[in-house]
Amino acid sequence: MGTEYKAVHEMLNEDHRPTTVERTSSDVLTLGFKFLAWINGVGVLLVVLCALAILPIEVPAYLLRMPLVAFLCGLALAGLGLLWVYMVQASLGSRIRNGQRRPHWVPVLCVLASYCVSMVMFAAGCWLLLGMGSLANDDWSYDYDSFDGASRPQPQSAEPSQLWARPSDLRRG
């Protein structure tokens, strides 16, 4: 009984820490996830605060859907990249422990592609959010009283003489 306990005790106390290369690559890739998750999360928070009118803006809430979708896609792609980081770590771990020649660069390229598209989605969300803000700064209003007479809705029932009338004749009457 004593030797079995000693063997189990030695197995539990073995140094199972990953090597420096394996730990460094996963730390760098995880740091990219943290950065992208923070910036896309701040974008989502900003859009939600504007939509709930906690931060007052002149843009109606229904126009903030596209920036919100862009930031949420950026968050989802950052999460997908983090899943690929696990594959990188598993591939490097099996390569170091077992000596297998598994191509670890395939999951690394998937991580980088996911992170790059996440960054593009963040940029698109910022661009869309600023575009909606510029609509408010250009004296754009969703109030229907600000339209001139030519764009006001006309009555739908017309007499036969008014069907082919010029717009200037309709304004007089």
N, C-alpha and C. Protein backbone atom coordinates (compact mmCIF):
# COMPACT_ATOMS: atom_id res chain seq x y z
N MET A 1 0.82 -1.18 0.00
CA MET A 1 0.00 0.00 0.00
C MET A 1 0.86 1.25 0.00
N GLY A 2 1.98 1.18 0.63
CA GLY A 2 2.85 2.34 0.72
C GLY A 2 3.45 2.72 -0.62
N THR A 3 3.82 1.71 -1.44
CA THR A 3 4.41 2.03 -2.74
C THR A 3 3.37 2.57 -3.72
N GLU A 4 2.13 2.10 -3.63
CA GLU A 4 1.09 2.63 -4.51
C GLU A 4 0.83 4.10 -4.18
N TYR A 5 0.78 4.43 -2.89
CA TYR A 5 0.55 5.80 -2.49
C TYR A 5 1.68 6.69 -2.96
N LYS A 6 2.90 6.16 -2.89
CA LYS A 6 4.06 6.93 -3.31
C LYS A 6 4.01 7.18 -4.82
N ALA A 7 3.59 6.19 -5.60
CA ALA A 7 3.51 6.36 -7.05
C ALA A 7 2.44 7.39 -7.42
N VAL A 8 1.28 7.35 -6.77
CA VAL A 8 0.23 8.32 -7.04
C VAL A 8 0.67 9.71 -6.61
N HIS A 9 1.33 9.79 -5.46
CA HIS A 9 1.80 11.07 -4.96
C HIS A 9 2.83 11.69 -5.90
N GLU A 10 3.71 10.87 -6.46
CA GLU A 10 4.69 11.38 -7.42
C GLU A 10 4.01 11.84 -8.71
N MET A 11 2.97 11.14 -9.13
CA MET A 11 2.27 11.55 -10.35
C MET A 11 1.56 12.88 -10.15
N LEU A 12 1.02 13.08 -8.96
CA LEU A 12 0.32 14.34 -8.70
C LEU A 12 1.28 15.51 -8.57
N ASN A 13 2.49 15.25 -8.14
CA ASN A 13 3.45 16.33 -7.95
C ASN A 13 4.34 16.57 -9.16
N GLU A 14 4.14 15.83 -10.23
CA GLU A 14 4.94 16.06 -11.42
C GLU A 14 4.68 17.45 -11.96
N ASP A 15 5.68 17.97 -12.59
CA ASP A 15 5.57 19.31 -13.16
C ASP A 15 4.87 19.22 -14.51
N HIS A 16 3.58 19.61 -14.56
CA HIS A 16 2.79 19.55 -15.79
C HIS A 16 2.67 20.91 -16.46
N ARG A 17 3.50 21.85 -16.08
CA ARG A 17 3.40 23.18 -16.68
C ARG A 17 3.87 23.13 -18.13
N PRO A 18 3.21 23.89 -18.99
CA PRO A 18 3.63 23.89 -20.40
C PRO A 18 4.97 24.60 -20.57
N THR A 19 5.61 24.30 -21.67
CA THR A 19 6.89 24.94 -21.95
C THR A 19 6.68 26.41 -22.24
N THR A 20 7.76 27.15 -22.26
CA THR A 20 7.69 28.59 -22.44
C THR A 20 7.12 28.96 -23.80
N VAL A 21 7.49 28.26 -24.85
CA VAL A 21 7.00 28.58 -26.19
C VAL A 21 5.50 28.35 -26.27
N GLU A 22 5.05 27.23 -25.74
CA GLU A 22 3.63 26.91 -25.78
C GLU A 22 2.82 27.94 -24.99
N ARG A 23 3.31 28.32 -23.84
CA ARG A 23 2.60 29.28 -22.99
C ARG A 23 2.61 30.68 -23.61
N THR A 24 3.71 31.08 -24.21
CA THR A 24 3.82 32.42 -24.77
C THR A 24 2.90 32.60 -25.96
N SER A 25 2.83 31.63 -26.85
CA SER A 25 1.97 31.78 -28.03
C SER A 25 0.51 31.86 -27.64
N SER A 26 0.08 31.03 -26.69
CA SER A 26 -1.32 31.09 -26.28
C SER A 26 -1.61 32.37 -25.51
N ASP A 27 -0.63 32.88 -24.74
CA ASP A 27 -0.84 34.15 -24.03
C ASP A 27 -0.99 35.31 -25.00
N VAL A 28 -0.19 35.32 -26.06
CA VAL A 28 -0.28 36.40 -27.05
C VAL A 28 -1.61 36.35 -27.78
N LEU A 29 -2.03 35.16 -28.18
CA LEU A 29 -3.30 35.03 -28.88
C LEU A 29 -4.49 35.34 -27.97
N THR A 30 -4.39 35.00 -26.69
CA THR A 30 -5.45 35.33 -25.75
C THR A 30 -5.50 36.82 -25.48
N LEU A 31 -4.36 37.47 -25.50
CA LEU A 31 -4.33 38.93 -25.34
C LEU A 31 -5.04 39.63 -26.49
N GLY A 32 -4.92 39.09 -27.69
CA GLY A 32 -5.67 39.63 -28.83
C GLY A 32 -7.16 39.51 -28.62
N PHE A 33 -7.61 38.38 -28.06
CA PHE A 33 -9.03 38.22 -27.75
C PHE A 33 -9.49 39.25 -26.73
N LYS A 34 -8.70 39.46 -25.69
CA LYS A 34 -9.10 40.42 -24.65
C LYS A 34 -9.25 41.82 -25.24
N PHE A 35 -8.32 42.21 -26.11
CA PHE A 35 -8.38 43.53 -26.73
C PHE A 35 -9.62 43.67 -27.59
N LEU A 36 -9.87 42.70 -28.45
CA LEU A 36 -11.03 42.77 -29.35
C LEU A 36 -12.34 42.68 -28.58
N ALA A 37 -12.38 41.88 -27.53
CA ALA A 37 -13.59 41.78 -26.72
C ALA A 37 -13.88 43.10 -26.01
N TRP A 38 -12.85 43.76 -25.54
CA TRP A 38 -13.05 45.05 -24.87
C TRP A 38 -13.56 46.11 -25.84
N ILE A 39 -12.91 46.26 -26.99
CA ILE A 39 -13.32 47.36 -27.86
C ILE A 39 -14.70 47.11 -28.46
N ASN A 40 -15.00 45.88 -28.84
CA ASN A 40 -16.34 45.58 -29.36
C ASN A 40 -17.38 45.66 -28.25
N GLY A 41 -17.04 45.26 -27.05
CA GLY A 41 -17.96 45.38 -25.92
C GLY A 41 -18.27 46.82 -25.57
N VAL A 42 -17.27 47.69 -25.64
CA VAL A 42 -17.51 49.12 -25.40
C VAL A 42 -18.40 49.69 -26.50
N GLY A 43 -18.22 49.22 -27.74
CA GLY A 43 -19.09 49.65 -28.83
C GLY A 43 -20.53 49.23 -28.61
N VAL A 44 -20.74 47.99 -28.17
CA VAL A 44 -22.10 47.52 -27.87
C VAL A 44 -22.70 48.35 -26.74
N LEU A 45 -21.91 48.60 -25.71
CA LEU A 45 -22.39 49.38 -24.57
C LEU A 45 -22.78 50.80 -25.00
N LEU A 46 -21.98 51.42 -25.84
CA LEU A 46 -22.28 52.77 -26.31
C LEU A 46 -23.57 52.80 -27.12
N VAL A 47 -23.75 51.83 -28.01
CA VAL A 47 -24.97 51.79 -28.81
C VAL A 47 -26.19 51.55 -27.94
N VAL A 48 -26.08 50.66 -26.97
CA VAL A 48 -27.22 50.38 -26.09
C VAL A 48 -27.56 51.60 -25.24
N LEU A 49 -26.55 52.29 -24.73
CA LEU A 49 -26.81 53.50 -23.95
C LEU A 49 -27.46 54.59 -24.79
N CYS A 50 -27.06 54.70 -26.04
CA CYS A 50 -27.70 55.68 -26.93
C CYS A 50 -29.12 55.26 -27.28
N ALA A 51 -29.36 53.99 -27.50
CA ALA A 51 -30.69 53.52 -27.85
C ALA A 51 -31.67 53.66 -26.68
N LEU A 52 -31.17 53.50 -25.47
CA LEU A 52 -32.03 53.65 -24.29
C LEU A 52 -32.16 55.10 -23.84
N ALA A 53 -31.56 56.02 -24.58
CA ALA A 53 -31.60 57.47 -24.31
C ALA A 53 -30.92 57.83 -22.99
N ILE A 54 -30.01 57.02 -22.53
CA ILE A 54 -29.20 57.39 -21.37
C ILE A 54 -28.16 58.41 -21.82
N LEU A 55 -27.59 58.19 -23.00
CA LEU A 55 -26.76 59.20 -23.67
C LEU A 55 -27.64 59.86 -24.72
N PRO A 56 -27.99 61.13 -24.54
CA PRO A 56 -28.94 61.75 -25.47
C PRO A 56 -28.32 62.01 -26.85
N ILE A 57 -29.00 61.53 -27.87
CA ILE A 57 -28.61 61.78 -29.25
C ILE A 57 -29.87 62.10 -30.04
N GLU A 58 -29.69 62.65 -31.22
CA GLU A 58 -30.83 63.03 -32.05
C GLU A 58 -31.26 61.92 -33.01
N VAL A 59 -30.53 60.84 -33.04
CA VAL A 59 -30.82 59.76 -33.98
C VAL A 59 -31.83 58.81 -33.34
N PRO A 60 -32.87 58.41 -34.06
CA PRO A 60 -33.83 57.46 -33.48
C PRO A 60 -33.18 56.11 -33.23
N ALA A 61 -33.72 55.40 -32.27
CA ALA A 61 -33.12 54.15 -31.82
C ALA A 61 -33.13 53.07 -32.90
N TYR A 62 -34.11 53.08 -33.80
CA TYR A 62 -34.17 52.03 -34.81
C TYR A 62 -33.04 52.14 -35.83
N LEU A 63 -32.41 53.30 -35.94
CA LEU A 63 -31.27 53.44 -36.85
C LEU A 63 -29.97 52.94 -36.25
N LEU A 64 -29.98 52.61 -34.98
CA LEU A 64 -28.77 52.11 -34.32
C LEU A 64 -28.64 50.60 -34.41
N ARG A 65 -29.51 49.97 -35.18
CA ARG A 65 -29.45 48.50 -35.32
C ARG A 65 -28.19 48.04 -36.04
N MET A 66 -27.85 48.71 -37.12
CA MET A 66 -26.69 48.26 -37.91
C MET A 66 -25.37 48.38 -37.14
N PRO A 67 -25.10 49.50 -36.44
CA PRO A 67 -23.88 49.50 -35.62
C PRO A 67 -23.89 48.43 -34.55
N LEU A 68 -25.05 48.17 -33.95
CA LEU A 68 -25.14 47.14 -32.93
C LEU A 68 -24.84 45.76 -33.50
N VAL A 69 -25.36 45.48 -34.68
CA VAL A 69 -25.08 44.20 -35.33
C VAL A 69 -23.60 44.07 -35.65
N ALA A 70 -22.98 45.15 -36.11
CA ALA A 70 -21.54 45.10 -36.43
C ALA A 70 -20.71 44.82 -35.18
N PHE A 71 -21.01 45.50 -34.08
CA PHE A 71 -20.24 45.27 -32.86
C PHE A 71 -20.48 43.87 -32.30
N LEU A 72 -21.71 43.37 -32.38
CA LEU A 72 -21.99 42.02 -31.90
C LEU A 72 -21.30 40.96 -32.76
N CYS A 73 -21.23 41.20 -34.07
CA CYS A 73 -20.48 40.28 -34.93
C CYS A 73 -18.99 40.30 -34.58
N GLY A 74 -18.48 41.47 -34.25
CA GLY A 74 -17.09 41.56 -33.82
C GLY A 74 -16.84 40.77 -32.55
N LEU A 75 -17.78 40.83 -31.61
CA LEU A 75 -17.65 40.03 -30.38
C LEU A 75 -17.70 38.54 -30.68
N ALA A 76 -18.62 38.14 -31.55
CA ALA A 76 -18.74 36.73 -31.90
C ALA A 76 -17.49 36.21 -32.59
N LEU A 77 -16.92 37.01 -33.48
CA LEU A 77 -15.70 36.59 -34.17
C LEU A 77 -14.50 36.53 -33.23
N ALA A 78 -14.46 37.42 -32.25
CA ALA A 78 -13.38 37.34 -31.25
C ALA A 78 -13.52 36.06 -30.43
N GLY A 79 -14.74 35.69 -30.08
CA GLY A 79 -14.97 34.43 -29.38
C GLY A 79 -14.59 33.22 -30.22
N LEU A 80 -14.89 33.29 -31.51
CA LEU A 80 -14.50 32.20 -32.41
C LEU A 80 -12.98 32.08 -32.48
N GLY A 81 -12.30 33.22 -32.49
CA GLY A 81 -10.84 33.20 -32.48
C GLY A 81 -10.29 32.57 -31.21
N LEU A 82 -10.96 32.83 -30.08
CA LEU A 82 -10.52 32.22 -28.83
C LEU A 82 -10.69 30.71 -28.85
N LEU A 83 -11.73 30.21 -29.52
CA LEU A 83 -11.87 28.76 -29.67
C LEU A 83 -10.72 28.18 -30.49
N TRP A 84 -10.29 28.91 -31.51
CA TRP A 84 -9.16 28.44 -32.31
C TRP A 84 -7.85 28.50 -31.53
N VAL A 85 -7.76 29.40 -30.54
CA VAL A 85 -6.55 29.45 -29.70
C VAL A 85 -6.39 28.12 -28.97
N TYR A 86 -7.49 27.52 -28.53
CA TYR A 86 -7.41 26.21 -27.89
C TYR A 86 -6.82 25.18 -28.85
N MET A 87 -7.24 25.23 -30.11
CA MET A 87 -6.70 24.28 -31.09
C MET A 87 -5.20 24.50 -31.30
N VAL A 88 -4.77 25.77 -31.29
CA VAL A 88 -3.33 26.04 -31.42
C VAL A 88 -2.58 25.45 -30.24
N GLN A 89 -3.11 25.67 -29.05
CA GLN A 89 -2.45 25.18 -27.85
C GLN A 89 -2.42 23.65 -27.83
N ALA A 90 -3.50 23.01 -28.22
CA ALA A 90 -3.54 21.55 -28.25
C ALA A 90 -2.57 21.01 -29.31
N SER A 91 -2.49 21.66 -30.44
CA SER A 91 -1.59 21.21 -31.50
C SER A 91 -0.13 21.36 -31.08
N LEU A 92 0.20 22.49 -30.48
CA LEU A 92 1.59 22.67 -30.02
C LEU A 92 1.92 21.71 -28.88
N GLY A 93 0.95 21.47 -27.99
CA GLY A 93 1.20 20.56 -26.88
C GLY A 93 1.46 19.15 -27.34
N SER A 94 0.68 18.66 -28.29
CA SER A 94 0.90 17.30 -28.78
C SER A 94 2.18 17.22 -29.60
N ARG A 95 2.53 18.31 -30.24
CA ARG A 95 3.77 18.34 -31.03
C ARG A 95 4.99 18.25 -30.12
N ILE A 96 4.93 18.94 -29.00
CA ILE A 96 6.07 18.94 -28.08
C ILE A 96 6.14 17.63 -27.29
N ARG A 97 4.98 17.14 -26.80
CA ARG A 97 4.98 15.93 -25.97
C ARG A 97 5.23 14.66 -26.77
N ASN A 98 4.53 14.50 -27.88
CA ASN A 98 4.59 13.24 -28.62
C ASN A 98 5.54 13.29 -29.81
N GLY A 99 6.00 14.44 -30.15
CA GLY A 99 6.88 14.56 -31.31
C GLY A 99 6.16 14.45 -32.64
N GLN A 100 4.85 14.58 -32.64
CA GLN A 100 4.09 14.49 -33.89
C GLN A 100 4.28 15.77 -34.69
N ARG A 101 4.27 15.60 -36.00
CA ARG A 101 4.38 16.76 -36.91
C ARG A 101 2.99 17.20 -37.31
N ARG A 102 2.28 17.82 -36.42
CA ARG A 102 0.95 18.35 -36.76
C ARG A 102 1.12 19.80 -37.16
N PRO A 103 0.49 20.21 -38.22
CA PRO A 103 0.64 21.61 -38.65
C PRO A 103 -0.14 22.56 -37.74
N HIS A 104 0.58 23.25 -36.89
CA HIS A 104 -0.08 24.17 -35.98
C HIS A 104 -0.37 25.51 -36.63
N TRP A 105 0.16 25.75 -37.81
CA TRP A 105 -0.05 27.04 -38.46
C TRP A 105 -1.46 27.18 -39.03
N VAL A 106 -2.15 26.07 -39.27
CA VAL A 106 -3.53 26.15 -39.78
C VAL A 106 -4.45 26.81 -38.75
N PRO A 107 -4.47 26.34 -37.48
CA PRO A 107 -5.30 27.05 -36.51
C PRO A 107 -4.81 28.46 -36.21
N VAL A 108 -3.50 28.70 -36.31
CA VAL A 108 -2.98 30.06 -36.10
C VAL A 108 -3.53 30.99 -37.18
N LEU A 109 -3.56 30.53 -38.42
CA LEU A 109 -4.12 31.36 -39.50
C LEU A 109 -5.62 31.59 -39.28
N CYS A 110 -6.31 30.59 -38.77
CA CYS A 110 -7.74 30.77 -38.48
C CYS A 110 -7.95 31.79 -37.36
N VAL A 111 -7.09 31.75 -36.34
CA VAL A 111 -7.18 32.74 -35.26
C VAL A 111 -6.94 34.14 -35.82
N LEU A 112 -5.90 34.29 -36.61
CA LEU A 112 -5.57 35.60 -37.15
C LEU A 112 -6.67 36.11 -38.09
N ALA A 113 -7.23 35.22 -38.89
CA ALA A 113 -8.32 35.63 -39.79
C ALA A 113 -9.55 36.06 -38.98
N SER A 114 -9.88 35.32 -37.96
CA SER A 114 -11.03 35.67 -37.12
C SER A 114 -10.80 36.99 -36.41
N TYR A 115 -9.60 37.20 -35.89
CA TYR A 115 -9.30 38.46 -35.22
C TYR A 115 -9.30 39.64 -36.20
N CYS A 116 -8.81 39.43 -37.41
CA CYS A 116 -8.79 40.51 -38.41
C CYS A 116 -10.22 40.89 -38.82
N VAL A 117 -11.07 39.90 -39.04
CA VAL A 117 -12.45 40.21 -39.42
C VAL A 117 -13.18 40.85 -38.24
N SER A 118 -12.84 40.47 -37.02
CA SER A 118 -13.43 41.11 -35.84
C SER A 118 -13.04 42.58 -35.78
N MET A 119 -11.79 42.87 -36.12
CA MET A 119 -11.34 44.27 -36.13
C MET A 119 -12.03 45.05 -37.24
N VAL A 120 -12.24 44.43 -38.38
CA VAL A 120 -12.97 45.08 -39.48
C VAL A 120 -14.41 45.36 -39.06
N MET A 121 -15.03 44.43 -38.35
CA MET A 121 -16.40 44.66 -37.88
C MET A 121 -16.46 45.78 -36.86
N PHE A 122 -15.43 45.92 -36.03
CA PHE A 122 -15.38 47.06 -35.11
C PHE A 122 -15.28 48.36 -35.89
N ALA A 123 -14.43 48.39 -36.90
CA ALA A 123 -14.30 49.60 -37.71
C ALA A 123 -15.61 49.91 -38.44
N ALA A 124 -16.29 48.89 -38.93
CA ALA A 124 -17.58 49.10 -39.61
C ALA A 124 -18.63 49.61 -38.62
N GLY A 125 -18.63 49.09 -37.42
CA GLY A 125 -19.57 49.58 -36.40
C GLY A 125 -19.32 51.03 -36.05
N CYS A 126 -18.04 51.41 -35.91
CA CYS A 126 -17.72 52.81 -35.64
C CYS A 126 -18.12 53.70 -36.81
N TRP A 127 -17.86 53.23 -38.02
CA TRP A 127 -18.21 54.01 -39.21
C TRP A 127 -19.71 54.20 -39.31
N LEU A 128 -20.46 53.14 -39.06
CA LEU A 128 -21.92 53.25 -39.11
C LEU A 128 -22.45 54.16 -37.99
N LEU A 129 -21.87 54.06 -36.81
CA LEU A 129 -22.31 54.91 -35.70
C LEU A 129 -22.03 56.37 -35.97
N LEU A 130 -20.87 56.67 -36.53
CA LEU A 130 -20.56 58.05 -36.90
C LEU A 130 -21.42 58.52 -38.05
N GLY A 131 -21.75 57.62 -38.97
CA GLY A 131 -22.64 57.98 -40.07
C GLY A 131 -24.02 58.36 -39.58
N MET A 132 -24.52 57.65 -38.59
CA MET A 132 -25.82 58.00 -38.03
C MET A 132 -25.75 59.33 -37.27
N GLY A 133 -24.61 59.59 -36.64
CA GLY A 133 -24.44 60.86 -35.95
C GLY A 133 -24.34 62.03 -36.91
N SER A 134 -23.76 61.80 -38.08
CA SER A 134 -23.68 62.89 -39.06
C SER A 134 -25.04 63.22 -39.64
N LEU A 135 -25.96 62.26 -39.66
CA LEU A 135 -27.33 62.55 -40.09
C LEU A 135 -27.99 63.56 -39.16
N ALA A 136 -27.73 63.44 -37.87
CA ALA A 136 -28.30 64.37 -36.91
C ALA A 136 -27.64 65.74 -37.02
N ASN A 137 -26.35 65.78 -37.34
CA ASN A 137 -25.65 67.06 -37.46
C ASN A 137 -25.98 67.79 -38.76
N ASP A 138 -26.49 67.11 -39.75
CA ASP A 138 -26.85 67.74 -41.02
C ASP A 138 -28.27 68.28 -41.01
N ASP A 139 -28.79 68.60 -39.84
CA ASP A 139 -30.16 69.08 -39.67
C ASP A 139 -31.16 68.08 -40.20
N TRP A 140 -30.84 66.81 -40.12
CA TRP A 140 -31.76 65.76 -40.52
C TRP A 140 -32.74 65.56 -39.39
N SER A 141 -33.97 65.41 -39.74
CA SER A 141 -34.99 65.21 -38.72
C SER A 141 -35.99 64.19 -39.22
N TYR A 142 -36.51 63.43 -38.33
CA TYR A 142 -37.55 62.49 -38.70
C TYR A 142 -38.93 63.08 -38.41
N ASP A 143 -38.98 64.41 -38.22
CA ASP A 143 -40.23 65.13 -38.03
C ASP A 143 -40.78 65.47 -39.41
N TYR A 144 -42.01 65.12 -39.68
CA TYR A 144 -42.57 65.29 -41.02
C TYR A 144 -43.00 66.72 -41.31
N ASP A 145 -42.97 67.60 -40.35
CA ASP A 145 -43.35 68.99 -40.60
C ASP A 145 -42.25 69.78 -41.29
N SER A 146 -41.06 69.27 -41.37
CA SER A 146 -39.96 70.03 -41.94
C SER A 146 -39.85 69.89 -43.45
N PHE A 147 -40.66 69.04 -44.07
CA PHE A 147 -40.59 68.86 -45.52
C PHE A 147 -41.25 70.03 -46.23
N ASP A 148 -40.75 70.34 -47.40
CA ASP A 148 -41.39 71.40 -48.19
C ASP A 148 -42.65 70.84 -48.86
N GLY A 149 -43.38 71.71 -49.54
CA GLY A 149 -44.67 71.33 -50.09
C GLY A 149 -44.59 70.27 -51.16
N ALA A 150 -43.49 70.18 -51.89
CA ALA A 150 -43.41 69.23 -52.99
C ALA A 150 -43.35 67.79 -52.50
N SER A 151 -42.86 67.59 -51.30
CA SER A 151 -42.73 66.22 -50.82
C SER A 151 -43.83 65.83 -49.84
N ARG A 152 -44.78 66.72 -49.59
CA ARG A 152 -45.90 66.36 -48.72
C ARG A 152 -46.80 65.37 -49.44
N PRO A 153 -47.40 64.47 -48.73
CA PRO A 153 -48.32 63.54 -49.38
C PRO A 153 -49.54 64.29 -49.90
N GLN A 154 -49.92 63.94 -51.08
CA GLN A 154 -51.09 64.56 -51.71
C GLN A 154 -52.32 63.71 -51.43
N PRO A 155 -53.49 64.31 -51.47
CA PRO A 155 -54.70 63.51 -51.28
C PRO A 155 -54.81 62.45 -52.36
N GLN A 156 -55.30 61.31 -51.99
CA GLN A 156 -55.36 60.19 -52.93
C GLN A 156 -56.58 60.23 -53.85
N SER A 157 -57.59 60.92 -53.45
CA SER A 157 -58.77 61.01 -54.31
C SER A 157 -58.68 62.30 -55.12
N ALA A 158 -58.67 62.17 -56.42
CA ALA A 158 -58.55 63.33 -57.29
C ALA A 158 -59.65 63.29 -58.34
N GLU A 159 -60.06 64.46 -58.73
CA GLU A 159 -61.03 64.55 -59.82
C GLU A 159 -60.30 64.31 -61.13
N PRO A 160 -61.00 63.88 -62.17
CA PRO A 160 -60.34 63.59 -63.44
C PRO A 160 -59.57 64.78 -64.01
N SER A 161 -59.99 66.01 -63.71
CA SER A 161 -59.26 67.16 -64.23
C SER A 161 -57.93 67.37 -63.51
N GLN A 162 -57.81 66.85 -62.30
CA GLN A 162 -56.57 67.04 -61.55
C GLN A 162 -55.59 65.89 -61.76
N LEU A 163 -55.97 64.84 -62.45
CA LEU A 163 -55.06 63.72 -62.64
C LEU A 163 -53.84 64.10 -63.45
N TRP A 164 -54.00 64.95 -64.43
CA TRP A 164 -52.88 65.32 -65.29
C TRP A 164 -52.47 66.77 -65.05
N ALA A 165 -52.76 67.30 -63.89
CA ALA A 165 -52.41 68.69 -63.60
C ALA A 165 -50.93 68.81 -63.27
N ARG A 166 -50.39 70.01 -63.50
CA ARG A 166 -49.00 70.29 -63.16
C ARG A 166 -48.86 70.50 -61.65
N PRO A 167 -47.69 70.24 -61.07
CA PRO A 167 -47.53 70.43 -59.61
C PRO A 167 -47.76 71.88 -59.19
N SER A 168 -47.46 72.87 -60.06
CA SER A 168 -47.68 74.26 -59.67
C SER A 168 -49.18 74.57 -59.55
N ASP A 169 -49.99 73.91 -60.36
CA ASP A 169 -51.45 74.11 -60.27
C ASP A 169 -51.98 73.51 -58.96
N LEU A 170 -51.43 72.43 -58.51
CA LEU A 170 -51.90 71.81 -57.28
C LEU A 170 -51.56 72.64 -56.05
N ARG A 171 -50.47 73.37 -56.10
CA ARG A 171 -50.07 74.19 -54.96
C ARG A 171 -50.99 75.38 -54.78
N ARG A 172 -51.52 75.89 -55.86
CA ARG A 172 -52.39 77.06 -55.79
C ARG A 172 -53.71 76.71 -55.10
N GLY A 173 -54.21 75.54 -55.38
CA GLY A 173 -55.54 75.16 -54.92
C GLY A 173 -55.55 74.65 -53.58
